[in-house]
Amino acid sequence: MIVMKCTTCGKKVVWDDFQPPDVRCPGCGEYLNVHTSLKKNIELREYTQGKKIRYCSHCNGIVSRRWFIRCPHCNYWLFGPASFHGNWPFILGLALIYLMFTLYYVVYIR
């Protein structure tokens, strides 16, 4: 048995092995994908075995930790409650390192 939640209306639908894989939501009639719900259910079981469940701050997907990781669902970089897309954290880090070396040069060498 899998409990699926409709993305449109939020109604929960219970699916078991005796039903076809093409399920429609009884509330709004949208087609629900059983395979993605099954994958979410497996991920949820893996992370709930003695661990705290952590969610991505951007897409609410399940992640293993919230610091210095890339979300496997939306590819955003997670830094606690903040999330960045692409290479922005690394560009900002390089700019900060450049400013630190410039300050060191101005203060101590020159």
C-alpha atoms as a PDB file:
ATOM      1  CA  MET A   1       0.000   0.000   0.000  1.00  0.00           C
ATOM      2  CA  ILE A   2       1.179   3.461  -0.906  1.00  0.00           C
ATOM      3  CA  VAL A   3      -0.428   6.685   0.224  1.00  0.00           C
ATOM      4  CA  MET A   4      -0.151   9.270  -2.527  1.00  0.00           C
ATOM      5  CA  LYS A   5      -0.925  12.955  -2.178  1.00  0.00           C
ATOM      6  CA  CYS A   6      -2.347  14.855  -5.135  1.00  0.00           C
ATOM      7  CA  THR A   7      -0.184  17.821  -6.122  1.00  0.00           C
ATOM      8  CA  THR A   8      -3.174  19.864  -7.275  1.00  0.00           C
ATOM      9  CA  CYS A   9      -5.808  19.502  -4.567  1.00  0.00           C
ATOM     10  CA  GLY A  10      -3.826  17.820  -1.753  1.00  0.00           C
ATOM     11  CA  LYS A  11      -6.206  14.884  -1.357  1.00  0.00           C
ATOM     12  CA  LYS A  12      -4.631  11.591  -0.237  1.00  0.00           C
ATOM     13  CA  VAL A  13      -5.194   8.452  -2.298  1.00  0.00           C
ATOM     14  CA  VAL A  14      -4.353   4.923  -1.130  1.00  0.00           C
ATOM     15  CA  TRP A  15      -2.974   2.600  -3.820  1.00  0.00           C
ATOM     16  CA  ASP A  16      -2.406  -1.132  -3.398  1.00  0.00           C
ATOM     17  CA  ASP A  17      -1.043  -3.883  -5.643  1.00  0.00           C
ATOM     18  CA  PHE A  18      -4.464  -4.888  -6.956  1.00  0.00           C
ATOM     19  CA  GLN A  19      -5.142  -1.517  -8.602  1.00  0.00           C
ATOM     20  CA  PRO A  20      -3.810  -0.459 -12.016  1.00  0.00           C
ATOM     21  CA  PRO A  21      -0.785   1.889 -12.064  1.00  0.00           C
ATOM     22  CA  ASP A  22      -2.838   4.635 -13.728  1.00  0.00           C
ATOM     23  CA  VAL A  23      -4.676   6.246 -10.832  1.00  0.00           C
ATOM     24  CA  ARG A  24      -6.811   9.357 -10.965  1.00  0.00           C
ATOM     25  CA  CYS A  25      -7.389  11.664  -8.040  1.00  0.00           C
ATOM     26  CA  PRO A  26     -10.996  11.352  -6.802  1.00  0.00           C
ATOM     27  CA  GLY A  27     -11.076  15.064  -5.943  1.00  0.00           C
ATOM     28  CA  CYS A  28      -9.833  16.793  -9.098  1.00  0.00           C
ATOM     29  CA  GLY A  29      -9.344  13.944 -11.601  1.00  0.00           C
ATOM     30  CA  GLU A  30      -5.635  14.511 -12.216  1.00  0.00           C
ATOM     31  CA  TYR A  31      -3.503  11.475 -13.068  1.00  0.00           C
ATOM     32  CA  LEU A  32      -1.147  10.416 -10.267  1.00  0.00           C
ATOM     33  CA  ASN A  33       2.156   8.705 -10.975  1.00  0.00           C
ATOM     34  CA  VAL A  34       2.543   5.607  -8.822  1.00  0.00           C
ATOM     35  CA  HIS A  35       6.233   5.163  -9.637  1.00  0.00           C
ATOM     36  CA  THR A  36       7.306   8.582  -8.316  1.00  0.00           C
ATOM     37  CA  SER A  37       5.217   8.051  -5.185  1.00  0.00           C
ATOM     38  CA  LEU A  38       6.886   4.676  -4.677  1.00  0.00           C
ATOM     39  CA  LYS A  39      10.344   6.272  -4.995  1.00  0.00           C
ATOM     40  CA  LYS A  40       9.382   8.960  -2.457  1.00  0.00           C
ATOM     41  CA  ASN A  41       8.100   6.279  -0.098  1.00  0.00           C
ATOM     42  CA  ILE A  42      11.386   4.324  -0.345  1.00  0.00           C
ATOM     43  CA  GLU A  43      13.437   7.492   0.261  1.00  0.00           C
ATOM     44  CA  LEU A  44      11.291   8.339   3.255  1.00  0.00           C
ATOM     45  CA  ARG A  45      11.849   4.877   4.734  1.00  0.00           C
ATOM     46  CA  GLU A  46      15.612   5.091   4.220  1.00  0.00           C
ATOM     47  CA  TYR A  47      15.874   8.433   5.992  1.00  0.00           C
ATOM     48  CA  THR A  48      13.452   7.664   8.822  1.00  0.00           C
ATOM     49  CA  GLN A  49      15.309   4.651  10.199  1.00  0.00           C
ATOM     50  CA  GLY A  50      16.730   6.292  13.297  1.00  0.00           C
ATOM     51  CA  LYS A  51      17.455   9.594  11.571  1.00  0.00           C
ATOM     52  CA  LYS A  52      15.816  12.972  11.492  1.00  0.00           C
ATOM     53  CA  ILE A  53      14.167  13.819   8.164  1.00  0.00           C
ATOM     54  CA  ARG A  54      15.619  16.926   6.523  1.00  0.00           C
ATOM     55  CA  TYR A  55      14.020  18.783   3.645  1.00  0.00           C
ATOM     56  CA  CYS A  56      15.473  21.059   0.985  1.00  0.00           C
ATOM     57  CA  SER A  57      14.663  24.713   1.642  1.00  0.00           C
ATOM     58  CA  HIS A  58      13.931  25.297  -2.052  1.00  0.00           C
ATOM     59  CA  CYS A  59      11.922  22.286  -3.303  1.00  0.00           C
ATOM     60  CA  ASN A  60      11.050  20.425  -0.042  1.00  0.00           C
ATOM     61  CA  GLY A  61      12.724  17.250  -1.323  1.00  0.00           C
ATOM     62  CA  ILE A  62      14.287  14.871   1.178  1.00  0.00           C
ATOM     63  CA  VAL A  63      18.035  15.387   1.653  1.00  0.00           C
ATOM     64  CA  SER A  64      20.567  13.654   3.876  1.00  0.00           C
ATOM     65  CA  ARG A  65      21.824  16.871   5.496  1.00  0.00           C
ATOM     66  CA  ARG A  66      21.244  20.627   5.212  1.00  0.00           C
ATOM     67  CA  TRP A  67      24.788  22.036   5.099  1.00  0.00           C
ATOM     68  CA  PHE A  68      27.201  22.031   2.115  1.00  0.00           C
ATOM     69  CA  ILE A  69      25.263  19.627  -0.083  1.00  0.00           C
ATOM     70  CA  ARG A  70      23.598  19.778  -3.478  1.00  0.00           C
ATOM     71  CA  CYS A  71      19.932  18.758  -3.488  1.00  0.00           C
ATOM     72  CA  PRO A  72      19.432  15.732  -5.766  1.00  0.00           C
ATOM     73  CA  HIS A  73      15.941  16.930  -6.737  1.00  0.00           C
ATOM     74  CA  CYS A  74      16.462  20.583  -7.745  1.00  0.00           C
ATOM     75  CA  ASN A  75      20.316  20.839  -7.923  1.00  0.00           C
ATOM     76  CA  TYR A  76      20.401  23.845  -5.592  1.00  0.00           C
ATOM     77  CA  TRP A  77      23.311  24.160  -3.156  1.00  0.00           C
ATOM     78  CA  LEU A  78      22.130  24.080   0.455  1.00  0.00           C
ATOM     79  CA  PHE A  79      23.822  26.086   3.193  1.00  0.00           C
ATOM     80  CA  GLY A  80      21.472  25.629   6.122  1.00  0.00           C
ATOM     81  CA  PRO A  81      18.347  27.708   5.518  1.00  0.00           C
ATOM     82  CA  ALA A  82      19.869  29.380   2.422  1.00  0.00           C
ATOM     83  CA  SER A  83      19.945  27.817  -1.024  1.00  0.00           C
ATOM     84  CA  PHE A  84      21.847  28.911  -4.146  1.00  0.00           C
ATOM     85  CA  HIS A  85      21.610  27.744  -7.732  1.00  0.00           C
ATOM     86  CA  GLY A  86      24.671  27.095  -9.876  1.00  0.00           C
ATOM     87  CA  ASN A  87      28.140  28.343  -9.079  1.00  0.00           C
ATOM     88  CA  TRP A  88      27.227  31.410  -6.996  1.00  0.00           C
ATOM     89  CA  PRO A  89      28.672  30.108  -3.696  1.00  0.00           C
ATOM     90  CA  PHE A  90      32.007  29.373  -5.332  1.00  0.00           C
ATOM     91  CA  ILE A  91      32.157  32.712  -7.150  1.00  0.00           C
ATOM     92  CA  LEU A  92      31.405  34.530  -3.896  1.00  0.00           C
ATOM     93  CA  GLY A  93      34.050  32.430  -2.122  1.00  0.00           C
ATOM     94  CA  LEU A  94      36.667  33.308  -4.737  1.00  0.00           C
ATOM     95  CA  ALA A  95      35.781  37.005  -4.478  1.00  0.00           C
ATOM     96  CA  LEU A  96      36.113  36.818  -0.682  1.00  0.00           C
ATOM     97  CA  ILE A  97      39.526  35.108  -0.949  1.00  0.00           C
ATOM     98  CA  TYR A  98      40.651  37.758  -3.450  1.00  0.00           C
ATOM     99  CA  LEU A  99      39.591  40.547  -1.079  1.00  0.00           C
ATOM    100  CA  MET A 100      41.408  38.868   1.834  1.00  0.00           C
ATOM    101  CA  PHE A 101      44.664  38.606  -0.143  1.00  0.00           C
ATOM    102  CA  THR A 102      44.299  42.222  -1.274  1.00  0.00           C
ATOM    103  CA  LEU A 103      43.810  43.357   2.318  1.00  0.00           C
ATOM    104  CA  TYR A 104      46.823  41.298   3.427  1.00  0.00           C
ATOM    105  CA  TYR A 105      48.954  42.863   0.698  1.00  0.00           C
ATOM    106  CA  VAL A 106      47.892  46.401   1.557  1.00  0.00           C
ATOM    107  CA  VAL A 107      48.337  46.025   5.326  1.00  0.00           C
ATOM    108  CA  TYR A 108      51.463  43.874   5.685  1.00  0.00           C
ATOM    109  CA  ILE A 109      53.485  43.891   2.482  1.00  0.00           C
ATOM    110  CA  ARG A 110      53.127  47.451   1.308  1.00  0.00           C
END
